[in-house]
Amino acid sequence: MYRCFFLLAALVASVPTADRAIAQPVPDGEMAKRIVFIADAAAHGPRGNHEFVAGSLLLSRYLKATYPHVDIVVHSTKNWPSDLSGADAIVVALNHGKQAALDPNLFAAVRKGAGFMAIHYGVEVNKGIQGDNYLQWMGGYFEAFWSVNPFWTPDFKTFPEHPTTRGVKPFGVRDEWYYHMRFVPGMVGVTPILSAVPPLETVQEELSHHAGNPDVYKAVAEKKPQHLAWAYVRPDAGRGFGFTGLHLHENLCNDSFRTVLLNGAAWVTKLEIPADGVPSKTPSKQELEQVIDEARVVIKQGK
């Protein structure tokens, strides 16, 4: 069923021995855990933009190095999984989250307690049933005519005390960072993880599908911090995580950017996160290009 596993296994095997040696002891109850990545196979701009299959393969490799006892599989949208009943966490990186939000199998998995994480465009869904599901699953989402999606460089200076911020140091990278998310009322259960005050030039006051509206303009003018990544504990104790960056594949070279993503995936799976965060070697530009090529093979084969 999980036909991409052979490629993922090859990627994990390529991790240097020194990196694999940092794997943590297997905690009780974690042997049967499974993480399912679903990554969009469709192009979105030139090479290096929305490389979601490549990014998922890379993140999976690092997670597997630290948690070798966890089953981790990667599906492209050409092979959307039909059975998610065994998933302990689902991580989606999509060109719009509609298919995830309306997938009855995903809904059933989350209802049974599976964690849910959405990356970049995958955090955007339509207002209504899609948005309502996302609010239940991860406490927030990108809502058109409310949220905005400019390219800018936030300055992340401080972080809350939370497992997903372990090992994260102050950083700033240019990306298409979404902000002014639609959150659950009162943000009950939501912990902002990455927050910054955007420059006023990143938003317009006029009502627009993605560029601005009076509410977000007022918030930015008043210098209210905007939340670009967040953790959510659901009423059923399930977990959700939203991360609005990763338009640019090259940003995976930033250690703190990458660590938040890895920590988020581990946290929604209820894995123990090391004191310094989920470890990973900084990939070279050549390695990032190589994993894009590997992803092209996965996509071509319809996996």
C-alpha atoms as a PDB file:
ATOM      1  CA  MET A   1       0.000   0.000   0.000  1.00  0.00           C
ATOM      2  CA  TYR A   2       2.735   2.448   0.850  1.00  0.00           C
ATOM      3  CA  ARG A   3       4.547   2.254  -2.470  1.00  0.00           C
ATOM      4  CA  CYS A   4       6.916   5.143  -1.767  1.00  0.00           C
ATOM      5  CA  PHE A   5       8.536   3.339   1.114  1.00  0.00           C
ATOM      6  CA  PHE A   6      11.382   1.935  -0.966  1.00  0.00           C
ATOM      7  CA  LEU A   7      12.566   5.409  -1.925  1.00  0.00           C
ATOM      8  CA  LEU A   8      12.221   6.697   1.607  1.00  0.00           C
ATOM      9  CA  ALA A   9      14.242   3.748   2.860  1.00  0.00           C
ATOM     10  CA  ALA A  10      16.966   4.584   0.363  1.00  0.00           C
ATOM     11  CA  LEU A  11      17.026   8.173   1.548  1.00  0.00           C
ATOM     12  CA  VAL A  12      17.271   7.097   5.165  1.00  0.00           C
ATOM     13  CA  ALA A  13      20.092   4.731   4.309  1.00  0.00           C
ATOM     14  CA  SER A  14      21.957   7.657   2.776  1.00  0.00           C
ATOM     15  CA  VAL A  15      22.126   9.469   6.118  1.00  0.00           C
ATOM     16  CA  PRO A  16      25.734   9.435   7.347  1.00  0.00           C
ATOM     17  CA  THR A  17      26.442   7.000  10.155  1.00  0.00           C
ATOM     18  CA  ALA A  18      27.376   9.856  12.476  1.00  0.00           C
ATOM     19  CA  ASP A  19      23.904  11.339  12.016  1.00  0.00           C
ATOM     20  CA  ARG A  20      22.121   8.038  12.523  1.00  0.00           C
ATOM     21  CA  ALA A  21      24.038   7.449  15.733  1.00  0.00           C
ATOM     22  CA  ILE A  22      22.108  10.227  17.478  1.00  0.00           C
ATOM     23  CA  ALA A  23      18.870   8.236  17.389  1.00  0.00           C
ATOM     24  CA  GLN A  24      17.024   8.301  20.697  1.00  0.00           C
ATOM     25  CA  PRO A  25      16.137   5.213  22.756  1.00  0.00           C
ATOM     26  CA  VAL A  26      12.714   3.828  21.940  1.00  0.00           C
ATOM     27  CA  PRO A  27      10.221   5.131  24.534  1.00  0.00           C
ATOM     28  CA  ASP A  28       7.418   2.844  25.648  1.00  0.00           C
ATOM     29  CA  GLY A  29       4.420   2.895  23.331  1.00  0.00           C
ATOM     30  CA  GLU A  30       6.165   4.401  20.306  1.00  0.00           C
ATOM     31  CA  MET A  31       7.020   1.227  18.373  1.00  0.00           C
ATOM     32  CA  ALA A  32       3.829   1.174  16.338  1.00  0.00           C
ATOM     33  CA  LYS A  33       3.693   4.854  15.415  1.00  0.00           C
ATOM     34  CA  ARG A  34       3.306   5.943  11.793  1.00  0.00           C
ATOM     35  CA  ILE A  35       3.699   9.346  10.148  1.00  0.00           C
ATOM     36  CA  VAL A  36       2.125   9.871   6.724  1.00  0.00           C
ATOM     37  CA  PHE A  37       3.285  12.785   4.567  1.00  0.00           C
ATOM     38  CA  ILE A  38       1.056  13.885   1.681  1.00  0.00           C
ATOM     39  CA  ALA A  39       2.849  16.268  -0.679  1.00  0.00           C
ATOM     40  CA  ASP A  40       1.569  18.061  -3.764  1.00  0.00           C
ATOM     41  CA  ALA A  41       3.002  16.796  -7.028  1.00  0.00           C
ATOM     42  CA  ALA A  42       1.845  19.805  -9.053  1.00  0.00           C
ATOM     43  CA  ALA A  43       4.313  22.486 -10.112  1.00  0.00           C
ATOM     44  CA  HIS A  44       3.861  25.971  -8.667  1.00  0.00           C
ATOM     45  CA  GLY A  45       6.296  28.317 -10.315  1.00  0.00           C
ATOM     46  CA  PRO A  46       9.877  27.541 -11.359  1.00  0.00           C
ATOM     47  CA  ARG A  47      12.134  24.903  -9.821  1.00  0.00           C
ATOM     48  CA  GLY A  48      12.743  25.578  -6.153  1.00  0.00           C
ATOM     49  CA  ASN A  49       9.197  26.787  -5.453  1.00  0.00           C
ATOM     50  CA  HIS A  50       6.671  24.545  -3.680  1.00  0.00           C
ATOM     51  CA  GLU A  51       8.960  21.530  -3.845  1.00  0.00           C
ATOM     52  CA  PHE A  52       6.679  19.764  -1.417  1.00  0.00           C
ATOM     53  CA  VAL A  53       7.526  16.193  -2.376  1.00  0.00           C
ATOM     54  CA  ALA A  54      11.232  16.961  -2.108  1.00  0.00           C
ATOM     55  CA  GLY A  55      10.792  18.772   1.187  1.00  0.00           C
ATOM     56  CA  SER A  56       8.722  15.920   2.610  1.00  0.00           C
ATOM     57  CA  LEU A  57      11.323  13.356   1.586  1.00  0.00           C
ATOM     58  CA  LEU A  58      14.077  15.389   3.222  1.00  0.00           C
ATOM     59  CA  LEU A  59      12.158  15.951   6.451  1.00  0.00           C
ATOM     60  CA  SER A  60      11.222  12.268   6.522  1.00  0.00           C
ATOM     61  CA  ARG A  61      14.862  11.264   6.224  1.00  0.00           C
ATOM     62  CA  TYR A  62      15.838  13.349   9.224  1.00  0.00           C
ATOM     63  CA  LEU A  63      12.898  12.148  11.283  1.00  0.00           C
ATOM     64  CA  LYS A  64      13.703   8.535  10.477  1.00  0.00           C
ATOM     65  CA  ALA A  65      17.310   9.059  11.562  1.00  0.00           C
ATOM     66  CA  THR A  66      16.155  10.165  15.006  1.00  0.00           C
ATOM     67  CA  TYR A  67      13.151   7.852  15.303  1.00  0.00           C
ATOM     68  CA  PRO A  68      14.161   4.650  13.453  1.00  0.00           C
ATOM     69  CA  HIS A  69      11.358   2.728  15.161  1.00  0.00           C
ATOM     70  CA  VAL A  70       8.674   4.974  13.608  1.00  0.00           C
ATOM     71  CA  ASP A  71       7.145   4.048  10.252  1.00  0.00           C
ATOM     72  CA  ILE A  72       7.336   7.107   7.979  1.00  0.00           C
ATOM     73  CA  VAL A  73       5.850   7.138   4.476  1.00  0.00           C
ATOM     74  CA  VAL A  74       5.600   9.813   1.794  1.00  0.00           C
ATOM     75  CA  HIS A  75       2.797  10.014  -0.744  1.00  0.00           C
ATOM     76  CA  SER A  76       2.552  12.509  -3.549  1.00  0.00           C
ATOM     77  CA  THR A  77      -0.926  13.678  -4.495  1.00  0.00           C
ATOM     78  CA  LYS A  78      -0.702  11.339  -7.501  1.00  0.00           C
ATOM     79  CA  ASN A  79      -0.978   8.494  -4.987  1.00  0.00           C
ATOM     80  CA  TRP A  80      -3.226   9.980  -2.328  1.00  0.00           C
ATOM     81  CA  PRO A  81      -3.483   7.377   0.460  1.00  0.00           C
ATOM     82  CA  SER A  82      -6.818   5.587   0.580  1.00  0.00           C
ATOM     83  CA  ASP A  83      -6.243   4.151   4.054  1.00  0.00           C
ATOM     84  CA  LEU A  84      -5.112   6.378   6.917  1.00  0.00           C
ATOM     85  CA  SER A  85      -6.515   4.210   9.699  1.00  0.00           C
ATOM     86  CA  GLY A  86      -3.023   3.361  10.983  1.00  0.00           C
ATOM     87  CA  ALA A  87      -1.662   6.905  10.920  1.00  0.00           C
ATOM     88  CA  ASP A  88      -0.602   8.526  14.182  1.00  0.00           C
ATOM     89  CA  ALA A  89       0.075  11.784  12.345  1.00  0.00           C
ATOM     90  CA  ILE A  90      -0.644  13.212   8.907  1.00  0.00           C
ATOM     91  CA  VAL A  91       1.524  16.015   7.518  1.00  0.00           C
ATOM     92  CA  VAL A  92       0.252  17.799   4.403  1.00  0.00           C
ATOM     93  CA  ALA A  93       2.145  20.161   2.106  1.00  0.00           C
ATOM     94  CA  LEU A  94      -0.326  21.053  -0.630  1.00  0.00           C
ATOM     95  CA  ASN A  95      -1.239  23.682  -3.175  1.00  0.00           C
ATOM     96  CA  HIS A  96      -4.381  24.456  -1.156  1.00  0.00           C
ATOM     97  CA  GLY A  97      -5.663  22.156   1.569  1.00  0.00           C
ATOM     98  CA  LYS A  98      -9.136  21.455   0.133  1.00  0.00           C
ATOM     99  CA  GLN A  99      -8.519  17.788  -0.628  1.00  0.00           C
ATOM    100  CA  ALA A 100      -7.170  17.150   2.855  1.00  0.00           C
ATOM    101  CA  ALA A 101      -9.974  19.051   4.573  1.00  0.00           C
ATOM    102  CA  LEU A 102     -12.638  17.040   2.732  1.00  0.00           C
ATOM    103  CA  ASP A 103     -10.985  13.608   2.847  1.00  0.00           C
ATOM    104  CA  PRO A 104     -13.246  11.298   4.891  1.00  0.00           C
ATOM    105  CA  ASN A 105     -10.319   8.960   5.620  1.00  0.00           C
ATOM    106  CA  LEU A 106      -8.237  11.813   6.998  1.00  0.00           C
ATOM    107  CA  PHE A 107     -11.214  13.066   8.985  1.00  0.00           C
ATOM    108  CA  ALA A 108     -11.675   9.600  10.478  1.00  0.00           C
ATOM    109  CA  ALA A 109      -7.988   9.322  11.382  1.00  0.00           C
ATOM    110  CA  VAL A 110      -7.985  12.667  13.169  1.00  0.00           C
ATOM    111  CA  ARG A 111     -11.220  11.798  14.958  1.00  0.00           C
ATOM    112  CA  LYS A 112      -9.439   8.682  16.272  1.00  0.00           C
ATOM    113  CA  GLY A 113      -6.644  10.897  17.621  1.00  0.00           C
ATOM    114  CA  ALA A 114      -4.122  11.257  14.802  1.00  0.00           C
ATOM    115  CA  GLY A 115      -2.105  14.455  14.839  1.00  0.00           C
ATOM    116  CA  PHE A 116      -2.422  16.848  11.892  1.00  0.00           C
ATOM    117  CA  MET A 117       0.149  19.271  10.507  1.00  0.00           C
ATOM    118  CA  ALA A 118      -0.126  21.547   7.482  1.00  0.00           C
ATOM    119  CA  ILE A 119       2.720  23.366   5.741  1.00  0.00           C
ATOM    120  CA  HIS A 120       2.594  26.550   3.629  1.00  0.00           C
ATOM    121  CA  TYR A 121      -0.251  26.554   1.052  1.00  0.00           C
ATOM    122  CA  GLY A 122      -1.546  23.460   2.797  1.00  0.00           C
ATOM    123  CA  VAL A 123      -2.788  25.707   5.644  1.00  0.00           C
ATOM    124  CA  GLU A 124      -5.210  27.469   3.279  1.00  0.00           C
ATOM    125  CA  VAL A 125      -8.731  26.120   2.901  1.00  0.00           C
ATOM    126  CA  ASN A 126     -12.070  27.657   2.013  1.00  0.00           C
ATOM    127  CA  LYS A 127     -14.281  29.171   4.657  1.00  0.00           C
ATOM    128  CA  GLY A 128     -17.089  26.845   5.678  1.00  0.00           C
ATOM    129  CA  ILE A 129     -16.816  23.102   6.172  1.00  0.00           C
ATOM    130  CA  GLN A 130     -13.142  23.062   5.100  1.00  0.00           C
ATOM    131  CA  GLY A 131     -12.222  25.827   7.514  1.00  0.00           C
ATOM    132  CA  ASP A 132     -14.312  24.297  10.278  1.00  0.00           C
ATOM    133  CA  ASN A 133     -12.437  20.992   9.905  1.00  0.00           C
ATOM    134  CA  TYR A 134      -9.075  22.735  10.005  1.00  0.00           C
ATOM    135  CA  LEU A 135     -10.081  24.656  13.105  1.00  0.00           C
ATOM    136  CA  GLN A 136     -10.922  21.332  14.759  1.00  0.00           C
ATOM    137  CA  TRP A 137      -7.729  19.666  13.574  1.00  0.00           C
ATOM    138  CA  MET A 138      -5.068  22.337  14.098  1.00  0.00           C
ATOM    139  CA  GLY A 139      -6.760  25.378  15.623  1.00  0.00           C
ATOM    140  CA  GLY A 140      -6.249  27.758  12.710  1.00  0.00           C
ATOM    141  CA  TYR A 141      -6.067  28.197   8.949  1.00  0.00           C
ATOM    142  CA  PHE A 142      -5.528  30.724   6.157  1.00  0.00           C
ATOM    143  CA  GLU A 143      -8.867  32.300   5.251  1.00  0.00           C
ATOM    144  CA  ALA A 144      -9.212  34.328   2.052  1.00  0.00           C
ATOM    145  CA  PHE A 145     -10.224  37.975   2.574  1.00  0.00           C
ATOM    146  CA  TRP A 146      -8.876  37.706   6.136  1.00  0.00           C
ATOM    147  CA  SER A 147      -5.334  36.300   5.909  1.00  0.00           C
ATOM    148  CA  VAL A 148      -2.508  37.562   3.674  1.00  0.00           C
ATOM    149  CA  ASN A 149       0.453  35.926   1.922  1.00  0.00           C
ATOM    150  CA  PRO A 150       3.289  38.400   1.199  1.00  0.00           C
ATOM    151  CA  PHE A 151       6.958  37.655   0.712  1.00  0.00           C
ATOM    152  CA  TRP A 152       8.929  39.199   3.563  1.00  0.00           C
ATOM    153  CA  THR A 153      11.647  38.512   6.119  1.00  0.00           C
ATOM    154  CA  PRO A 154      10.322  38.198   9.669  1.00  0.00           C
ATOM    155  CA  ASP A 155      12.664  38.629  12.607  1.00  0.00           C
ATOM    156  CA  PHE A 156      12.017  35.796  15.034  1.00  0.00           C
ATOM    157  CA  LYS A 157      13.688  36.890  18.251  1.00  0.00           C
ATOM    158  CA  THR A 158      11.946  35.062  21.076  1.00  0.00           C
ATOM    159  CA  PHE A 159      10.081  31.776  21.375  1.00  0.00           C
ATOM    160  CA  PRO A 160       7.681  30.294  23.916  1.00  0.00           C
ATOM    161  CA  GLU A 161       8.641  27.434  26.188  1.00  0.00           C
ATOM    162  CA  HIS A 162       7.265  24.561  24.131  1.00  0.00           C
ATOM    163  CA  PRO A 163       8.623  21.231  22.833  1.00  0.00           C
ATOM    164  CA  THR A 164       8.500  22.523  19.233  1.00  0.00           C
ATOM    165  CA  THR A 165      10.893  25.393  20.025  1.00  0.00           C
ATOM    166  CA  ARG A 166      13.663  23.179  21.405  1.00  0.00           C
ATOM    167  CA  GLY A 167      16.915  23.917  19.599  1.00  0.00           C
ATOM    168  CA  VAL A 168      15.431  26.921  17.784  1.00  0.00           C
ATOM    169  CA  LYS A 169      17.556  30.073  17.804  1.00  0.00           C
ATOM    170  CA  PRO A 170      16.676  33.602  16.631  1.00  0.00           C
ATOM    171  CA  PHE A 171      16.503  33.673  12.841  1.00  0.00           C
ATOM    172  CA  GLY A 172      14.990  35.384   9.847  1.00  0.00           C
ATOM    173  CA  VAL A 173      14.560  34.108   6.292  1.00  0.00           C
ATOM    174  CA  ARG A 174      12.726  35.578   3.341  1.00  0.00           C
ATOM    175  CA  ASP A 175       9.761  33.472   2.358  1.00  0.00           C
ATOM    176  CA  GLU A 176       6.083  33.762   1.534  1.00  0.00           C
ATOM    177  CA  TRP A 177       5.081  33.879   5.176  1.00  0.00           C
ATOM    178  CA  TYR A 178       1.313  33.949   5.627  1.00  0.00           C
ATOM    179  CA  TYR A 179      -0.181  35.782   8.577  1.00  0.00           C
ATOM    180  CA  HIS A 180      -3.411  36.972  10.214  1.00  0.00           C
ATOM    181  CA  MET A 181      -4.698  33.410  10.399  1.00  0.00           C
ATOM    182  CA  ARG A 182      -8.249  32.545  11.361  1.00  0.00           C
ATOM    183  CA  PHE A 183      -7.918  30.896  14.777  1.00  0.00           C
ATOM    184  CA  VAL A 184     -10.351  29.166  17.118  1.00  0.00           C
ATOM    185  CA  PRO A 185     -12.267  31.611  19.359  1.00  0.00           C
ATOM    186  CA  GLY A 186     -10.041  33.036  22.045  1.00  0.00           C
ATOM    187  CA  MET A 187      -7.173  30.955  20.645  1.00  0.00           C
ATOM    188  CA  VAL A 188      -8.064  28.338  23.254  1.00  0.00           C
ATOM    189  CA  GLY A 189      -5.540  25.508  22.971  1.00  0.00           C
ATOM    190  CA  VAL A 190      -3.310  27.477  20.559  1.00  0.00           C
ATOM    191  CA  THR A 191       0.321  28.292  21.354  1.00  0.00           C
ATOM    192  CA  PRO A 192       1.954  30.731  18.901  1.00  0.00           C
ATOM    193  CA  ILE A 193       5.384  29.335  17.983  1.00  0.00           C
ATOM    194  CA  LEU A 194       6.766  31.790  15.410  1.00  0.00           C
ATOM    195  CA  SER A 195       5.555  35.368  15.744  1.00  0.00           C
ATOM    196  CA  ALA A 196       6.752  38.663  14.311  1.00  0.00           C
ATOM    197  CA  VAL A 197       5.507  42.149  13.447  1.00  0.00           C
ATOM    198  CA  PRO A 198       5.290  42.497   9.639  1.00  0.00           C
ATOM    199  CA  PRO A 199       6.242  45.712   7.861  1.00  0.00           C
ATOM    200  CA  LEU A 200       3.178  47.749   6.928  1.00  0.00           C
ATOM    201  CA  GLU A 201       4.142  47.569   3.256  1.00  0.00           C
ATOM    202  CA  THR A 202       3.380  43.834   3.271  1.00  0.00           C
ATOM    203  CA  VAL A 203      -0.370  44.480   3.455  1.00  0.00           C
ATOM    204  CA  GLN A 204      -2.989  46.735   1.891  1.00  0.00           C
ATOM    205  CA  GLU A 205      -6.020  48.274   3.576  1.00  0.00           C
ATOM    206  CA  GLU A 206      -8.396  47.600   0.683  1.00  0.00           C
ATOM    207  CA  LEU A 207     -10.316  44.317   0.748  1.00  0.00           C
ATOM    208  CA  SER A 208      -8.486  41.698  -1.299  1.00  0.00           C
ATOM    209  CA  HIS A 209      -8.574  37.917  -1.672  1.00  0.00           C
ATOM    210  CA  HIS A 210      -4.996  37.502  -0.381  1.00  0.00           C
ATOM    211  CA  ALA A 211      -3.360  40.943  -0.186  1.00  0.00           C
ATOM    212  CA  GLY A 212      -5.201  42.690   2.614  1.00  0.00           C
ATOM    213  CA  ASN A 213      -8.308  43.981   4.341  1.00  0.00           C
ATOM    214  CA  PRO A 214      -9.101  46.656   6.931  1.00  0.00           C
ATOM    215  CA  ASP A 215      -8.751  44.233   9.874  1.00  0.00           C
ATOM    216  CA  VAL A 216      -5.273  42.986   9.059  1.00  0.00           C
ATOM    217  CA  TYR A 217      -4.097  46.454   8.018  1.00  0.00           C
ATOM    218  CA  LYS A 218      -5.193  47.858  11.388  1.00  0.00           C
ATOM    219  CA  ALA A 219      -3.469  45.030  13.267  1.00  0.00           C
ATOM    220  CA  VAL A 220      -0.169  45.567  11.447  1.00  0.00           C
ATOM    221  CA  ALA A 221      -0.399  49.360  11.764  1.00  0.00           C
ATOM    222  CA  GLU A 222      -0.773  48.870  15.517  1.00  0.00           C
ATOM    223  CA  LYS A 223       2.291  46.579  15.448  1.00  0.00           C
ATOM    224  CA  LYS A 224       0.458  43.556  16.786  1.00  0.00           C
ATOM    225  CA  PRO A 225       2.592  40.411  16.427  1.00  0.00           C
ATOM    226  CA  GLN A 226       1.332  37.998  13.795  1.00  0.00           C
ATOM    227  CA  HIS A 227       1.576  34.243  14.233  1.00  0.00           C
ATOM    228  CA  LEU A 228       3.264  32.358  11.412  1.00  0.00           C
ATOM    229  CA  ALA A 229       3.490  28.960  13.072  1.00  0.00           C
ATOM    230  CA  TRP A 230       1.435  27.571  15.917  1.00  0.00           C
ATOM    231  CA  ALA A 231       0.797  24.455  17.980  1.00  0.00           C
ATOM    232  CA  TYR A 232      -2.667  23.316  18.976  1.00  0.00           C
ATOM    233  CA  VAL A 233      -3.900  20.876  21.593  1.00  0.00           C
ATOM    234  CA  ARG A 234      -7.374  19.701  20.661  1.00  0.00           C
ATOM    235  CA  PRO A 235     -10.112  19.067  23.245  1.00  0.00           C
ATOM    236  CA  ASP A 236      -9.587  15.335  22.635  1.00  0.00           C
ATOM    237  CA  ALA A 237      -5.846  15.801  23.428  1.00  0.00           C
ATOM    238  CA  GLY A 238      -4.926  15.290  19.781  1.00  0.00           C
ATOM    239  CA  ARG A 239      -2.405  17.736  18.357  1.00  0.00           C
ATOM    240  CA  GLY A 240      -2.204  20.078  15.397  1.00  0.00           C
ATOM    241  CA  PHE A 241       0.565  22.251  13.991  1.00  0.00           C
ATOM    242  CA  GLY A 242       0.515  24.958  11.327  1.00  0.00           C
ATOM    243  CA  PHE A 243       3.608  26.321   9.562  1.00  0.00           C
ATOM    244  CA  THR A 244       3.072  29.003   6.924  1.00  0.00           C
ATOM    245  CA  GLY A 245       6.554  29.143   5.356  1.00  0.00           C
ATOM    246  CA  LEU A 246       8.340  26.846   2.877  1.00  0.00           C
ATOM    247  CA  HIS A 247       7.425  28.413  -0.421  1.00  0.00           C
ATOM    248  CA  LEU A 248      11.171  28.377  -1.097  1.00  0.00           C
ATOM    249  CA  HIS A 249      12.851  24.976  -0.891  1.00  0.00           C
ATOM    250  CA  GLU A 250      16.218  26.619  -0.209  1.00  0.00           C
ATOM    251  CA  ASN A 251      15.022  27.760   3.207  1.00  0.00           C
ATOM    252  CA  LEU A 252      15.469  24.211   4.466  1.00  0.00           C
ATOM    253  CA  CYS A 253      19.147  25.190   4.704  1.00  0.00           C
ATOM    254  CA  ASN A 254      18.284  27.387   7.685  1.00  0.00           C
ATOM    255  CA  ASP A 255      18.814  25.271  10.784  1.00  0.00           C
ATOM    256  CA  SER A 256      16.136  26.878  12.958  1.00  0.00           C
ATOM    257  CA  PHE A 257      13.564  26.982  10.139  1.00  0.00           C
ATOM    258  CA  ARG A 258      14.136  23.273   9.543  1.00  0.00           C
ATOM    259  CA  THR A 259      14.130  22.424  13.236  1.00  0.00           C
ATOM    260  CA  VAL A 260      10.688  23.967  13.767  1.00  0.00           C
ATOM    261  CA  LEU A 261       9.322  21.796  10.952  1.00  0.00           C
ATOM    262  CA  LEU A 262      10.930  18.633  12.328  1.00  0.00           C
ATOM    263  CA  ASN A 263       9.868  19.386  15.888  1.00  0.00           C
ATOM    264  CA  GLY A 264       6.329  20.096  14.710  1.00  0.00           C
ATOM    265  CA  ALA A 265       6.038  16.772  12.897  1.00  0.00           C
ATOM    266  CA  ALA A 266       7.422  14.891  15.888  1.00  0.00           C
ATOM    267  CA  TRP A 267       5.207  16.766  18.342  1.00  0.00           C
ATOM    268  CA  VAL A 268       1.905  16.062  16.541  1.00  0.00           C
ATOM    269  CA  THR A 269       2.935  12.385  16.514  1.00  0.00           C
ATOM    270  CA  LYS A 270       3.466  12.573  20.286  1.00  0.00           C
ATOM    271  CA  LEU A 271       7.107  11.598  19.996  1.00  0.00           C
ATOM    272  CA  GLU A 272       9.603  12.756  22.602  1.00  0.00           C
ATOM    273  CA  ILE A 273      11.590  15.710  21.229  1.00  0.00           C
ATOM    274  CA  PRO A 274      15.258  15.883  22.306  1.00  0.00           C
ATOM    275  CA  ALA A 275      16.336  18.803  24.497  1.00  0.00           C
ATOM    276  CA  ASP A 276      18.060  20.449  21.521  1.00  0.00           C
ATOM    277  CA  GLY A 277      15.281  19.650  19.072  1.00  0.00           C
ATOM    278  CA  VAL A 278      15.093  16.966  16.403  1.00  0.00           C
ATOM    279  CA  PRO A 279      18.667  16.924  15.076  1.00  0.00           C
ATOM    280  CA  SER A 280      19.520  17.312  11.406  1.00  0.00           C
ATOM    281  CA  LYS A 281      22.601  18.082   9.382  1.00  0.00           C
ATOM    282  CA  THR A 282      22.440  21.308   7.373  1.00  0.00           C
ATOM    283  CA  PRO A 283      21.853  20.214   3.769  1.00  0.00           C
ATOM    284  CA  SER A 284      24.073  21.689   1.083  1.00  0.00           C
ATOM    285  CA  LYS A 285      22.572  23.342  -1.969  1.00  0.00           C
ATOM    286  CA  GLN A 286      23.706  20.303  -3.931  1.00  0.00           C
ATOM    287  CA  GLU A 287      21.814  18.004  -1.559  1.00  0.00           C
ATOM    288  CA  LEU A 288      18.698  20.146  -1.876  1.00  0.00           C
ATOM    289  CA  GLU A 289      18.935  19.930  -5.655  1.00  0.00           C
ATOM    290  CA  GLN A 290      19.460  16.174  -5.461  1.00  0.00           C
ATOM    291  CA  VAL A 291      16.328  15.606  -3.405  1.00  0.00           C
ATOM    292  CA  ILE A 292      14.343  17.649  -5.961  1.00  0.00           C
ATOM    293  CA  ASP A 293      15.577  15.247  -8.634  1.00  0.00           C
ATOM    294  CA  GLU A 294      14.588  12.297  -6.438  1.00  0.00           C
ATOM    295  CA  ALA A 295      11.147  13.822  -5.979  1.00  0.00           C
ATOM    296  CA  ARG A 296      10.751  14.168  -9.748  1.00  0.00           C
ATOM    297  CA  VAL A 297      11.210  10.400 -10.006  1.00  0.00           C
ATOM    298  CA  VAL A 298       8.535   9.796  -7.368  1.00  0.00           C
ATOM    299  CA  ILE A 299       6.131  12.129  -9.182  1.00  0.00           C
ATOM    300  CA  LYS A 300       6.864  10.644 -12.619  1.00  0.00           C
ATOM    301  CA  GLN A 301       6.158   7.162 -11.324  1.00  0.00           C
ATOM    302  CA  GLY A 302       2.886   8.315  -9.795  1.00  0.00           C
ATOM    303  CA  LYS A 303       3.904   7.476  -6.237  1.00  0.00           C
END
